[in-house]
Amino acid sequence: MAHILIMPRQGNTVESCIITDWKVKEGDTVTSETEICEVETDKASFQVPAGAGGTVLKLLHEAGDDVPVLKPIAIIGAAGEDWKSTLLQETPLRGTEVQKEDESPSSSSHSSFPIPDSSFHVPNSSASPRARNMAAKEALPLEKITGTGPGGRITERDVEAALKNRPVLTAAAKAAGPETIPQTGSGIGARVTIADLAAVPDFLFPIPHSSLSDNHSSFTDTPIKGIRKIIADRMFKSLTESAQFTLNASAPASGLLEFRSKAKTQKGPAEKSGLLEVTINDLVLFALVKTLPYFPYMNAHKTDDKITVYKDIHLAIAVDTPRGLMVPVIRNADRLSLVQISAEAKRLAAACQNGSANPDELGGSTFTVSNLGSLGVTSFTPILNTPEVAILGVCSIELKPVAQLSDPYPITFEPHIGLSLTINHQAVDGAPAARFLKALCDSIARIDQLINIEESSYV
């Protein structure tokens, strides 16, 4: 019997995943290890292996579809095998429909599982077949739509217009055939989930009708989807659910630069100890994890009306990848040496950039650092990685005037590294945050002392 590949569960809280790209096409021959597709959750992207060898008989969804976990996404078997009977025997889902080969295609070239039942259908004279198919797939009651076709007939464009004015539903929520829909959801990209439907108040969410414009202009529309949409929605959610406040300061950077220069001049011993690979950012991370234990309220989460303070420091680092921003986590960073922090930061960054990071490496952080200094940024407003209460932005090194009262020349210019600290003012007040930032600046200024204390075996 053919093998039914299901959407794997990527963590206990993941309800659905978005298929971003199919790596195979129908008719291809695969092994059990062949990567079939790439999927994304709200944290990262993953490759899904075939799980069995044979011929790809059917791809059940298109790239971009949001598919519930543990639901069929592809069927693999012997060439010419009847994939429909296998699917119907193994997945007797309510409302499941398998499109016949000679039927007119709907808006998607692949069948979707599950599809809401015929309670969303209206008489043939009220809507076009394509409009009915699209409405059924999106769990959109046609009686809520005003048709613009001849005699008030509902067209596919009418359905598209109505969908633009309705929150996006997860595939599982669509399958439930909801009559009542909240205005926003708690899922990926603010999608409405099954849990959101259970909590919706007892009224119908209005679906206003708006016609599509026929005007044309010289521009290109690029859909926001995949990990880019996940990032956009998470950033928006962070700003709307917390009171974000940013403080800016700068720390003397002579010690950072002197350490790097010393490591280069002592190349042999530095290479052996691993210090030659240490970057300015690694030194800032090291100073941070040595400072945070004295300010435990900064290493915390705010959830609802509760603040959870953590003893261990799980340090997240923002990484720029070809697919977008990812935030891997250095576990127990406060227990690591400078060289260990440097090595782990590089390993995680490489894993994110080549797509090999696993879910356990992309969650559970207690504090986050984002570094834009290499791009010449002198100050910025980092957005909280909620539910964390703080995030540190690391900026570029600049020469700044410093008063030298004992010197005949009262002003000298010394290198300083910029720091931008964003806090959730619901959990941390400005003065305590400022005291932490000042202490961090002091730690960076005396980085050589911290290294001598913690890394005495290397110097």
Protein backbone atom coordinates (compact mmCIF):
# COMPACT_ATOMS: atom_id res chain seq x y z
CA MET A 1 0.00 0.00 0.00
CA ALA A 2 1.15 3.52 -0.74
CA HIS A 3 2.79 5.58 2.01
CA ILE A 4 0.93 8.67 3.21
CA LEU A 5 3.35 11.39 4.30
CA ILE A 6 1.90 13.57 7.03
CA MET A 7 2.89 17.04 8.22
CA PRO A 8 5.26 16.39 11.15
CA ARG A 9 4.68 18.05 14.50
CA GLN A 10 7.42 20.61 15.16
CA GLY A 11 6.97 21.16 18.89
CA ASN A 12 4.05 20.71 21.24
CA THR A 13 2.58 24.17 20.63
CA VAL A 14 2.67 24.07 16.83
CA GLU A 15 -0.81 23.65 15.35
CA SER A 16 0.10 23.94 11.67
CA CYS A 17 3.04 24.52 9.34
CA ILE A 18 3.37 26.45 6.08
CA ILE A 19 4.75 24.58 3.07
CA THR A 20 7.23 27.06 1.60
CA ASP A 21 8.66 24.93 -1.19
CA TRP A 22 8.25 21.49 -2.75
CA LYS A 23 11.60 19.85 -3.52
CA VAL A 24 10.03 17.18 -5.76
CA LYS A 25 7.21 16.94 -8.27
CA GLU A 26 4.61 14.28 -8.97
CA GLY A 27 6.18 11.33 -10.79
CA ASP A 28 9.63 11.74 -9.23
CA THR A 29 11.33 8.71 -7.71
CA VAL A 30 12.48 9.20 -4.11
CA THR A 31 14.13 7.31 -1.29
CA SER A 32 13.08 7.43 2.34
CA GLU A 33 15.74 10.10 2.97
CA THR A 34 14.81 12.37 0.05
CA GLU A 35 13.80 15.86 1.17
CA ILE A 36 10.23 16.27 -0.06
CA CYS A 37 9.48 19.83 1.01
CA GLU A 38 10.47 22.70 3.24
CA VAL A 39 8.03 23.87 5.90
CA GLU A 40 7.99 26.77 8.34
CA THR A 41 6.61 27.36 11.81
CA ASP A 42 6.64 30.60 13.76
CA LYS A 43 10.24 29.88 14.76
CA ALA A 44 12.14 28.28 11.88
CA SER A 45 12.08 26.28 8.69
CA PHE A 46 12.61 22.52 8.37
CA GLN A 47 13.11 19.90 5.67
CA VAL A 48 10.62 17.02 5.58
CA PRO A 49 11.97 13.65 4.37
CA ALA A 50 9.85 11.25 2.31
CA GLY A 51 9.86 8.52 4.93
CA ALA A 52 9.50 5.79 2.28
CA GLY A 53 10.93 5.00 -1.12
CA GLY A 54 8.94 4.96 -4.35
CA THR A 55 7.20 7.30 -6.77
CA VAL A 56 5.62 10.58 -5.73
CA LEU A 57 2.00 9.81 -6.65
CA LYS A 58 0.37 12.99 -5.38
CA LEU A 59 1.25 16.29 -3.71
CA LEU A 60 -1.85 17.23 -1.73
CA HIS A 61 -1.06 20.90 -1.17
CA GLU A 62 0.62 23.80 -2.91
CA ALA A 63 3.59 25.83 -1.74
CA GLY A 64 2.27 28.51 0.57
CA ASP A 65 -0.51 26.34 2.04
CA ASP A 66 -0.96 26.31 5.81
CA VAL A 67 -1.41 22.64 6.75
CA PRO A 68 -2.40 21.25 10.18
CA VAL A 69 0.18 18.97 11.79
CA LEU A 70 -0.39 15.21 11.38
CA LYS A 71 -2.47 15.76 8.21
CA PRO A 72 -1.55 14.22 4.81
CA ILE A 73 0.69 16.28 2.55
CA ALA A 74 1.88 13.75 -0.06
CA ILE A 75 1.46 10.13 -1.15
CA ILE A 76 4.35 7.89 -2.19
CA GLY A 77 4.01 4.42 -3.66
CA ALA A 78 4.49 2.25 -6.71
CA ALA A 79 4.16 3.88 -10.13
CA GLY A 80 0.53 3.73 -11.28
CA GLU A 81 -0.83 2.84 -7.82
CA ASP A 82 -4.27 4.23 -6.96
CA TRP A 83 -3.40 6.97 -4.44
CA LYS A 84 -7.05 8.03 -4.00
CA SER A 85 -8.20 4.72 -2.58
CA THR A 86 -5.22 4.63 -0.23
CA LEU A 87 -6.02 8.10 1.05
CA LEU A 88 -9.73 7.41 1.52
CA GLN A 89 -9.04 4.13 3.34
CA GLU A 90 -6.49 5.61 5.72
CA THR A 91 -7.90 9.12 6.33
CA PRO A 92 -11.72 9.06 6.59
CA LEU A 93 -11.90 12.80 7.27
CA ARG A 94 -15.17 14.68 7.56
CA GLY A 95 -15.87 16.58 4.38
CA THR A 96 -12.82 15.20 2.54
CA GLU A 97 -13.14 15.54 -1.20
CA VAL A 98 -10.88 14.09 -3.87
CA GLN A 99 -11.09 15.96 -7.14
CA LYS A 100 -11.66 13.81 -10.17
CA GLU A 101 -9.13 14.13 -12.94
CA ASP A 102 -11.74 15.38 -15.45
CA GLU A 103 -13.27 18.01 -13.16
CA SER A 104 -12.54 21.67 -13.61
CA PRO A 105 -9.78 22.76 -11.22
CA SER A 106 -10.51 25.17 -8.40
CA SER A 107 -8.22 28.02 -7.46
CA SER A 108 -5.66 25.43 -6.33
CA SER A 109 -4.28 22.74 -8.61
CA HIS A 110 -4.05 20.31 -5.69
CA SER A 111 -6.77 18.84 -3.52
CA SER A 112 -6.89 20.15 0.05
CA PHE A 113 -7.59 17.96 3.08
CA PRO A 114 -9.91 18.48 4.80
CA ILE A 115 -12.47 20.63 2.93
CA PRO A 116 -15.56 21.95 4.74
CA ASP A 117 -18.81 20.19 3.90
CA SER A 118 -21.60 21.36 1.63
CA SER A 119 -23.19 23.56 4.27
CA PHE A 120 -21.21 26.39 2.71
CA HIS A 121 -22.60 25.76 -0.78
CA VAL A 122 -25.43 27.77 -2.32
CA PRO A 123 -27.55 26.98 -5.36
CA ASN A 124 -25.72 26.94 -8.69
CA SER A 125 -27.54 30.05 -9.89
CA SER A 126 -26.20 32.09 -6.92
CA ALA A 127 -22.47 31.57 -7.41
CA SER A 128 -20.05 30.42 -10.06
CA PRO A 129 -18.40 27.01 -9.65
CA ARG A 130 -15.00 28.61 -9.05
CA ALA A 131 -16.51 30.92 -6.43
CA ARG A 132 -18.13 27.95 -4.66
CA ASN A 133 -14.87 25.98 -4.69
CA MET A 134 -12.85 28.88 -3.30
CA ALA A 135 -15.43 29.66 -0.62
CA ALA A 136 -15.57 26.00 0.43
CA LYS A 137 -11.79 25.78 0.66
CA GLU A 138 -11.62 28.94 2.80
CA ALA A 139 -14.69 28.11 4.98
CA LEU A 140 -16.40 31.29 3.82
CA PRO A 141 -20.24 31.27 3.86
CA LEU A 142 -21.37 32.57 0.47
CA GLU A 143 -24.57 34.01 1.90
CA LYS A 144 -22.40 36.65 3.57
CA ILE A 145 -21.13 37.95 0.22
CA THR A 146 -22.77 40.39 -2.18
CA GLY A 147 -22.34 39.27 -5.79
CA THR A 148 -21.31 41.66 -8.55
CA GLY A 149 -21.94 39.28 -11.46
CA PRO A 150 -24.99 39.24 -13.73
CA GLY A 151 -28.16 39.10 -11.65
CA GLY A 152 -26.15 39.38 -8.43
CA ARG A 153 -24.23 36.17 -9.12
CA ILE A 154 -21.22 35.68 -6.82
CA THR A 155 -17.97 35.46 -8.76
CA GLU A 156 -14.50 34.32 -7.78
CA ARG A 157 -13.43 37.98 -7.52
CA ASP A 158 -16.22 38.62 -5.03
CA VAL A 159 -14.93 35.80 -2.84
CA GLU A 160 -11.35 37.13 -3.08
CA ALA A 161 -12.56 40.59 -2.07
CA ALA A 162 -14.41 39.19 0.95
CA LEU A 163 -11.38 37.18 2.04
CA LYS A 164 -9.26 40.33 2.08
CA ASN A 165 -11.57 41.73 4.73
CA ARG A 166 -11.60 38.62 6.91
CA PRO A 167 -8.90 37.31 9.27
CA VAL A 168 -6.80 34.43 7.96
CA LEU A 169 -7.77 31.03 9.39
CA THR A 170 -5.50 28.06 9.97
CA ALA A 171 -6.33 24.98 7.95
CA ALA A 172 -7.67 23.29 11.07
CA ALA A 173 -9.94 26.25 11.80
CA LYS A 174 -11.23 26.24 8.21
CA ALA A 175 -12.05 22.55 8.48
CA ALA A 176 -14.22 23.30 11.51
CA GLY A 177 -16.54 25.34 9.26
CA PRO A 178 -16.90 28.27 11.68
CA GLU A 179 -19.89 30.59 11.53
CA THR A 180 -18.40 32.98 14.08
CA ILE A 181 -14.87 34.33 13.64
CA PRO A 182 -12.80 36.64 15.91
CA GLN A 183 -11.16 39.71 14.41
CA THR A 184 -7.64 38.39 15.12
CA GLY A 185 -6.04 35.10 16.11
CA SER A 186 -3.18 33.76 18.18
CA GLY A 187 -1.62 31.53 15.50
CA ILE A 188 1.20 32.09 13.02
CA GLY A 189 0.75 35.47 11.37
CA ALA A 190 -2.24 36.25 13.67
CA ARG A 191 -4.15 33.36 12.05
CA VAL A 192 -7.36 32.30 13.76
CA THR A 193 -6.87 28.87 15.36
CA ILE A 194 -9.26 26.25 16.74
CA ALA A 195 -8.63 27.63 20.22
CA ASP A 196 -9.55 31.13 19.03
CA LEU A 197 -12.83 29.83 17.60
CA ALA A 198 -13.74 28.31 20.96
CA ALA A 199 -13.31 31.68 22.66
CA VAL A 200 -15.16 33.81 20.10
CA PRO A 201 -18.14 35.87 21.39
CA ASP A 202 -21.63 35.02 20.23
CA PHE A 203 -21.94 37.30 17.23
CA LEU A 204 -21.08 37.05 13.55
CA PHE A 205 -18.01 38.86 12.34
CA PRO A 206 -19.11 41.09 9.45
CA ILE A 207 -17.54 40.52 6.07
CA PRO A 208 -17.85 43.79 4.15
CA HIS A 209 -17.79 43.65 0.38
CA SER A 210 -15.31 45.70 -1.59
CA SER A 211 -14.71 45.55 -5.32
CA LEU A 212 -11.28 45.08 -6.79
CA SER A 213 -9.76 48.02 -8.60
CA ASP A 214 -8.99 47.70 -12.29
CA ASN A 215 -6.46 50.53 -12.21
CA HIS A 216 -2.92 49.67 -13.25
CA SER A 217 0.27 51.39 -12.09
CA SER A 218 3.99 50.92 -12.57
CA PHE A 219 4.75 48.85 -9.51
CA THR A 220 5.36 45.25 -8.47
CA ASP A 221 3.42 43.50 -5.71
CA THR A 222 5.39 40.91 -3.73
CA PRO A 223 3.24 38.78 -1.39
CA ILE A 224 4.43 38.73 2.22
CA LYS A 225 4.60 35.06 3.03
CA GLY A 226 6.71 32.33 4.54
CA ILE A 227 9.28 33.30 7.14
CA ARG A 228 9.08 36.97 6.08
CA LYS A 229 5.42 37.06 7.11
CA ILE A 230 6.17 35.19 10.32
CA ILE A 231 8.81 37.79 11.21
CA ALA A 232 6.50 40.68 10.32
CA ASP A 233 3.63 39.34 12.39
CA ARG A 234 5.80 38.52 15.40
CA MET A 235 7.33 42.00 15.38
CA PHE A 236 3.89 43.61 15.17
CA LYS A 237 2.58 41.39 17.95
CA SER A 238 5.58 42.28 20.11
CA LEU A 239 4.90 46.01 19.74
CA THR A 240 1.17 45.73 20.36
CA GLU A 241 1.45 43.53 23.46
CA SER A 242 4.21 45.32 25.37
CA ALA A 243 5.19 48.84 26.44
CA GLN A 244 8.57 49.15 24.74
CA PHE A 245 11.06 51.79 25.82
CA THR A 246 14.64 52.22 24.55
CA LEU A 247 17.70 53.63 26.35
CA ASN A 248 20.91 54.48 24.48
CA ALA A 249 24.43 54.63 25.92
CA SER A 250 28.02 53.98 24.91
CA ALA A 251 30.83 52.07 26.57
CA PRO A 252 34.60 52.68 26.30
CA ALA A 253 35.83 50.26 23.65
CA SER A 254 39.61 50.55 24.08
CA GLY A 255 39.72 47.31 26.05
CA LEU A 256 37.81 45.44 23.34
CA LEU A 257 40.14 46.69 20.61
CA GLU A 258 43.27 46.06 22.66
CA PHE A 259 42.22 42.47 23.34
CA ARG A 260 41.65 41.79 19.63
CA SER A 261 44.98 43.39 18.77
CA LYS A 262 46.80 41.35 21.42
CA ALA A 263 45.24 38.12 20.14
CA LYS A 264 46.46 38.88 16.63
CA THR A 265 50.00 39.67 17.71
CA GLN A 266 50.14 36.47 19.78
CA LYS A 267 48.72 34.41 16.92
CA GLY A 268 50.25 31.07 17.88
CA PRO A 269 49.07 30.88 21.51
CA ALA A 270 45.79 32.59 20.62
CA GLU A 271 45.06 30.04 17.90
CA LYS A 272 45.77 27.18 20.28
CA SER A 273 43.46 28.57 22.96
CA GLY A 274 40.73 29.65 20.52
CA LEU A 275 41.02 33.34 21.40
CA LEU A 276 42.03 34.29 17.87
CA GLU A 277 38.48 33.52 16.71
CA VAL A 278 36.89 35.75 19.36
CA THR A 279 35.12 38.79 17.87
CA ILE A 280 34.10 42.14 19.34
CA ASN A 281 30.53 40.82 19.53
CA ASP A 282 31.71 37.75 21.46
CA LEU A 283 33.39 40.01 24.00
CA VAL A 284 30.17 42.01 24.43
CA LEU A 285 28.21 38.78 24.93
CA PHE A 286 30.75 37.67 27.54
CA ALA A 287 30.50 41.00 29.40
CA LEU A 288 26.70 40.76 29.25
CA VAL A 289 26.43 37.29 30.81
CA LYS A 290 28.84 38.34 33.57
CA THR A 291 26.67 41.40 34.33
CA LEU A 292 23.14 39.96 34.10
CA PRO A 293 23.35 37.85 37.32
CA TYR A 294 23.57 41.09 39.31
CA PHE A 295 20.34 42.33 37.69
CA PRO A 296 18.07 39.26 37.65
CA TYR A 297 14.97 41.31 36.78
CA MET A 298 16.48 41.82 33.31
CA ASN A 299 16.70 38.05 32.68
CA ALA A 300 12.97 37.48 32.78
CA HIS A 301 9.70 36.89 30.93
CA LYS A 302 6.42 38.74 31.25
CA THR A 303 3.35 36.63 30.50
CA ASP A 304 -0.11 38.01 31.22
CA ASP A 305 0.05 39.36 34.81
CA LYS A 306 3.13 37.39 35.83
CA ILE A 307 6.87 38.08 35.69
CA THR A 308 9.12 35.02 35.72
CA VAL A 309 12.77 35.63 36.67
CA TYR A 310 15.28 33.02 35.50
CA LYS A 311 18.49 32.02 37.23
CA ASP A 312 20.09 30.51 34.13
CA ILE A 313 20.87 32.77 31.19
CA HIS A 314 19.76 31.39 27.83
CA LEU A 315 21.12 34.01 25.46
CA ALA A 316 19.48 34.50 22.06
CA ILE A 317 21.47 36.07 19.22
CA ALA A 318 19.80 37.60 16.18
CA VAL A 319 21.17 36.09 12.94
CA ASP A 320 20.62 37.49 9.46
CA THR A 321 19.96 34.63 7.00
CA PRO A 322 18.92 34.47 3.33
CA ARG A 323 15.40 33.50 4.50
CA GLY A 324 15.15 36.27 7.07
CA LEU A 325 15.88 36.91 10.74
CA MET A 326 16.42 33.88 12.99
CA VAL A 327 17.21 33.88 16.72
CA PRO A 328 19.12 30.80 17.96
CA VAL A 329 19.87 30.38 21.66
CA ILE A 330 23.15 29.85 23.54
CA ARG A 331 22.05 27.63 26.42
CA ASN A 332 23.38 28.38 29.91
CA ALA A 333 25.60 31.11 28.54
CA ASP A 334 26.53 32.27 32.05
CA ARG A 335 28.30 28.93 32.62
CA LEU A 336 30.42 29.17 29.47
CA SER A 337 33.89 30.62 29.00
CA LEU A 338 34.61 33.35 26.48
CA VAL A 339 35.97 30.83 23.98
CA GLN A 340 32.93 28.57 24.46
CA ILE A 341 30.51 31.47 23.93
CA SER A 342 32.39 32.46 20.78
CA ALA A 343 32.35 28.92 19.38
CA GLU A 344 28.67 28.34 20.17
CA ALA A 345 27.62 31.67 18.64
CA LYS A 346 29.41 30.81 15.41
CA ARG A 347 28.00 27.28 15.32
CA LEU A 348 24.44 28.48 15.78
CA ALA A 349 24.80 31.27 13.22
CA ALA A 350 26.12 28.79 10.64
CA ALA A 351 23.27 26.36 11.38
CA CYS A 352 20.70 29.11 10.79
CA GLN A 353 22.33 30.24 7.57
CA ASN A 354 22.55 26.75 6.07
CA GLY A 355 19.11 25.68 7.32
CA SER A 356 20.27 22.94 9.70
CA ALA A 357 19.18 24.54 13.00
CA ASN A 358 16.79 22.33 14.95
CA PRO A 359 13.72 23.48 16.94
CA ASP A 360 15.44 23.06 20.31
CA GLU A 361 18.05 25.62 19.27
CA LEU A 362 15.48 28.26 18.36
CA GLY A 363 13.41 28.72 21.49
CA GLY A 364 13.50 29.14 25.24
CA SER A 365 15.68 32.26 25.43
CA THR A 366 15.65 34.62 28.42
CA PHE A 367 17.56 37.58 26.92
CA THR A 368 18.35 38.58 23.32
CA VAL A 369 21.18 40.47 21.61
CA SER A 370 21.00 42.03 18.14
CA ASN A 371 24.19 43.43 16.58
CA LEU A 372 24.05 45.93 13.71
CA GLY A 373 27.42 47.49 14.47
CA SER A 374 29.17 45.86 11.52
CA LEU A 375 26.77 47.73 9.23
CA GLY A 376 27.75 51.11 10.66
CA VAL A 377 24.59 51.62 12.72
CA THR A 378 25.25 54.01 15.62
CA SER A 379 21.87 53.69 17.38
CA PHE A 380 18.63 51.80 16.83
CA THR A 381 15.51 50.53 18.55
CA PRO A 382 15.60 46.73 18.84
CA ILE A 383 12.17 45.12 19.17
CA LEU A 384 11.56 42.81 22.11
CA ASN A 385 11.70 39.07 21.56
CA THR A 386 8.58 38.60 23.67
CA PRO A 387 7.89 37.37 26.29
CA GLU A 388 11.41 38.53 27.25
CA VAL A 389 11.51 41.86 29.08
CA ALA A 390 14.72 43.16 27.49
CA ILE A 391 16.82 43.08 24.34
CA LEU A 392 20.25 44.63 23.77
CA GLY A 393 21.21 46.28 20.50
CA VAL A 394 24.96 46.45 19.80
CA CYS A 395 26.07 49.32 17.57
CA SER A 396 29.27 50.42 15.85
CA ILE A 397 32.44 51.75 17.49
CA GLU A 398 32.97 55.51 17.14
CA LEU A 399 35.42 58.08 18.43
CA LYS A 400 33.83 60.27 21.09
CA PRO A 401 35.16 63.32 22.94
CA VAL A 402 36.22 62.64 26.53
CA ALA A 403 37.22 65.29 29.07
CA GLN A 404 40.72 64.82 30.56
CA LEU A 405 40.84 67.21 33.51
CA SER A 406 44.42 66.34 34.45
CA ASP A 407 45.73 66.74 30.93
CA PRO A 408 46.88 70.00 29.36
CA TYR A 409 44.60 69.12 26.47
CA PRO A 410 41.17 68.88 28.14
CA ILE A 411 39.48 66.91 25.33
CA THR A 412 40.62 63.65 23.75
CA PHE A 413 38.80 61.33 21.36
CA GLU A 414 38.43 57.73 22.46
CA PRO A 415 36.62 54.75 20.88
CA HIS A 416 33.18 53.92 22.30
CA ILE A 417 30.74 51.17 21.33
CA GLY A 418 27.07 52.10 21.15
CA LEU A 419 24.45 50.13 23.08
CA SER A 420 20.66 50.34 22.65
CA LEU A 421 18.60 48.63 25.34
CA THR A 422 14.87 48.10 24.81
CA ILE A 423 12.79 47.06 27.82
CA ASN A 424 9.17 46.20 28.46
CA HIS A 425 8.12 49.05 30.74
CA GLN A 426 5.32 46.83 32.04
CA ALA A 427 7.96 44.71 33.78
CA VAL A 428 11.02 46.96 34.20
CA ASP A 429 11.14 50.68 35.03
CA GLY A 430 13.52 53.11 33.40
CA ALA A 431 15.85 53.68 36.35
CA PRO A 432 16.55 49.97 37.07
CA ALA A 433 17.14 49.42 33.35
CA ALA A 434 19.50 52.39 33.26
CA ARG A 435 21.47 50.98 36.21
CA PHE A 436 21.86 47.69 34.37
CA LEU A 437 22.99 49.47 31.19
CA LYS A 438 25.55 51.50 33.13
CA ALA A 439 26.89 48.36 34.79
CA LEU A 440 27.18 46.69 31.38
CA CYS A 441 29.12 49.67 30.05
CA ASP A 442 31.47 49.36 33.04
CA SER A 443 31.91 45.62 32.38
CA ILE A 444 32.80 46.29 28.75
CA ALA A 445 35.24 49.01 29.78
CA ARG A 446 37.08 46.53 32.04
CA ILE A 447 36.76 43.51 29.75
CA ASP A 448 40.42 42.63 30.33
CA GLN A 449 39.75 42.19 34.07
CA LEU A 450 36.75 39.95 33.40
CA ILE A 451 38.84 37.80 31.09
CA ASN A 452 41.70 37.59 33.59
CA ILE A 453 39.25 36.40 36.24
CA GLU A 454 37.22 33.94 34.15
CA GLU A 455 39.74 32.92 31.49
CA SER A 456 43.00 32.87 33.45
CA SER A 457 44.09 29.65 31.74
CA TYR A 458 44.15 31.39 28.37
CA VAL A 459 46.14 34.57 29.19
